[in-house]
Protein backbone atom coordinates (compact mmCIF):
# COMPACT_ATOMS: atom_id res chain seq x y z
CA MET A 1 31.70 -36.39 18.88
CA THR A 2 28.69 -37.55 20.79
CA GLU A 3 26.62 -40.47 19.59
CA ALA A 4 23.86 -38.07 18.55
CA THR A 5 25.94 -35.46 16.69
CA MET A 6 28.96 -35.18 14.43
CA ASN A 7 30.99 -32.09 13.58
CA ILE A 8 31.72 -31.09 10.00
CA ARG A 9 35.11 -32.87 9.90
CA GLU A 10 33.60 -36.11 11.16
CA MET A 11 30.82 -35.86 8.57
CA CYS A 12 33.37 -35.25 5.82
CA ASP A 13 35.39 -38.27 6.91
CA ALA A 14 32.36 -40.52 7.33
CA PHE A 15 30.77 -39.66 3.97
CA GLN A 16 33.89 -38.77 1.98
CA VAL A 17 32.64 -35.30 1.08
CA THR A 18 34.15 -31.86 1.45
CA PRO A 19 33.09 -29.18 3.94
CA ARG A 20 32.03 -27.13 0.93
CA THR A 21 29.62 -29.92 -0.09
CA LEU A 22 28.03 -29.95 3.36
CA ARG A 23 27.72 -26.16 3.40
CA PHE A 24 26.20 -26.27 -0.10
CA TYR A 25 23.55 -28.80 0.98
CA GLU A 26 22.86 -26.70 4.05
CA ALA A 27 22.44 -23.58 1.88
CA LYS A 28 20.05 -25.54 -0.37
CA GLU A 29 18.08 -26.46 2.77
CA LEU A 30 18.68 -30.17 2.38
CA LEU A 31 20.60 -30.44 5.67
CA PHE A 32 19.83 -28.62 8.90
CA PRO A 33 22.80 -28.87 11.28
CA ILE A 34 22.64 -27.37 14.74
CA ARG A 35 24.59 -24.10 14.71
CA GLU A 36 26.75 -23.14 17.67
CA GLY A 37 28.45 -19.98 16.49
CA GLN A 38 30.57 -21.04 13.51
CA LYS A 39 30.37 -24.68 14.55
CA ARG A 40 27.96 -27.07 12.84
CA LEU A 41 26.71 -30.21 14.56
CA PHE A 42 24.99 -32.80 12.41
CA THR A 43 22.34 -35.04 13.95
CA ARG A 44 21.40 -38.61 13.06
CA ARG A 45 18.66 -37.16 10.89
CA ASP A 46 21.24 -35.07 8.99
CA ARG A 47 23.36 -38.17 8.49
CA ALA A 48 20.38 -40.11 7.14
CA ARG A 49 19.45 -37.22 4.85
CA LEU A 50 23.03 -36.91 3.56
CA LYS A 51 23.13 -40.63 2.84
CA LEU A 52 19.93 -40.28 0.79
CA ILE A 53 21.22 -37.13 -0.96
CA LEU A 54 24.43 -38.85 -2.02
CA ARG A 55 22.57 -41.96 -3.16
CA GLY A 56 20.10 -39.82 -5.12
CA LYS A 57 22.95 -37.90 -6.79
CA ARG A 58 24.65 -41.18 -7.73
CA PHE A 59 21.42 -42.30 -9.39
CA GLY A 60 21.11 -39.02 -11.30
CA PHE A 61 18.34 -37.42 -9.25
CA SER A 62 18.29 -33.63 -9.35
CA LEU A 63 18.62 -31.71 -6.10
CA GLU A 64 15.01 -30.60 -6.50
CA GLU A 65 13.84 -34.20 -6.83
CA ILE A 66 15.86 -35.11 -3.75
CA ARG A 67 14.40 -32.17 -1.82
CA GLN A 68 10.86 -33.20 -2.74
CA LEU A 69 11.49 -36.78 -1.63
CA LEU A 70 13.08 -35.71 1.66
CA ASP A 71 10.18 -33.35 2.35
CA LEU A 72 7.73 -36.23 1.93
CA TYR A 73 9.33 -37.98 4.93
CA ASP A 74 7.43 -35.70 7.28
CA ILE A 75 4.01 -36.81 6.00
CA ASP A 76 2.52 -39.12 8.60
CA ASP A 77 1.67 -42.09 6.37
CA GLN A 78 4.46 -44.51 7.32
CA GLN A 79 6.50 -43.19 4.37
CA GLN A 80 4.06 -44.59 1.79
CA THR A 81 3.93 -41.32 -0.17
CA GLN A 82 7.71 -40.91 -0.03
CA LEU A 83 8.34 -44.49 -1.14
CA THR A 84 5.78 -44.30 -3.97
CA LYS A 85 7.24 -41.05 -5.29
CA THR A 86 10.79 -42.41 -4.95
CA GLN A 87 9.75 -45.45 -6.96
CA GLU A 88 8.28 -43.25 -9.74
CA ILE A 89 11.37 -41.06 -10.02
CA ALA A 90 13.77 -44.01 -9.76
CA GLN A 91 11.93 -45.87 -12.52
CA LYS A 92 12.30 -42.86 -14.86
CA HIS A 93 16.00 -42.58 -14.05
CA LEU A 94 16.52 -46.29 -14.59
CA VAL A 95 15.01 -46.04 -18.07
CA ASP A 96 17.31 -43.09 -18.84
CA MET A 97 20.37 -44.91 -17.48
CA GLU A 98 19.60 -48.03 -19.54
CA ARG A 99 19.20 -45.88 -22.67
CA GLN A 100 22.52 -44.18 -21.96
CA LYS A 101 24.15 -47.56 -21.39
CA SER A 102 22.92 -48.80 -24.78
CA GLU A 103 24.21 -45.66 -26.49
CA LEU A 104 27.56 -46.04 -24.74
CA GLU A 105 27.84 -49.71 -25.73
CA LEU A 106 27.24 -48.74 -29.38
CA ALA A 107 29.84 -45.99 -29.18
CA ILE A 108 32.36 -48.42 -27.65
CA CYS A 109 31.70 -50.92 -30.43
CA ASP A 110 32.15 -48.21 -33.09
CA LEU A 111 35.37 -47.01 -31.48
CA ARG A 112 36.77 -50.55 -31.39
CA GLU A 113 36.00 -50.94 -35.10
CA GLN A 114 37.74 -47.65 -35.82
CA LEU A 115 40.79 -48.74 -33.84
CA VAL A 116 40.98 -51.98 -35.84
CA TRP A 117 40.87 -49.95 -39.05
CA VAL A 118 43.55 -47.54 -37.76
CA ASP A 119 45.77 -50.47 -36.75
CA GLN A 120 45.41 -51.94 -40.24
CA MET A 121 46.26 -48.59 -41.83
CA VAL A 122 49.32 -48.12 -39.61
CA ASP A 123 50.50 -51.67 -40.41
CA SER A 124 50.07 -51.13 -44.15
CA LEU A 125 51.97 -47.85 -44.05
CA GLN A 126 54.88 -49.45 -42.17
CA LYS A 127 55.38 -52.23 -44.71
CA PRO A 128 57.94 -51.47 -47.38
CA SER A 129 56.39 -50.91 -50.77
CA ALA A 130 57.13 -53.45 -53.52
CA ALA A 131 57.94 -50.76 -56.09
């Protein structure tokens, strides 16, 4: 590995992804490694893009949203457009995540109540009847 490039194995190790994942992102034109025959060499830019892709996926961004945000990097406005658009999309995802969290907390509460009821039923069935 040179300081400027990493091979596919080094990328996999550094980002804890599979070669298939890297090839998938390359096929989706999100990463653009240098091709030397069958060999792929990933530049610093590819590493930065992969970091953003993985972060976006963790936050629930679609690949199309991620592509649009990455494409905005090349606009020569000191990343203002990219940052503004990222903020808009992130805000929408945050609202969705908070809604999902509330729904999940309600479901957990309901499940706990059901488990208490089941425990009570099991206990009552195990006690000998006074008949």
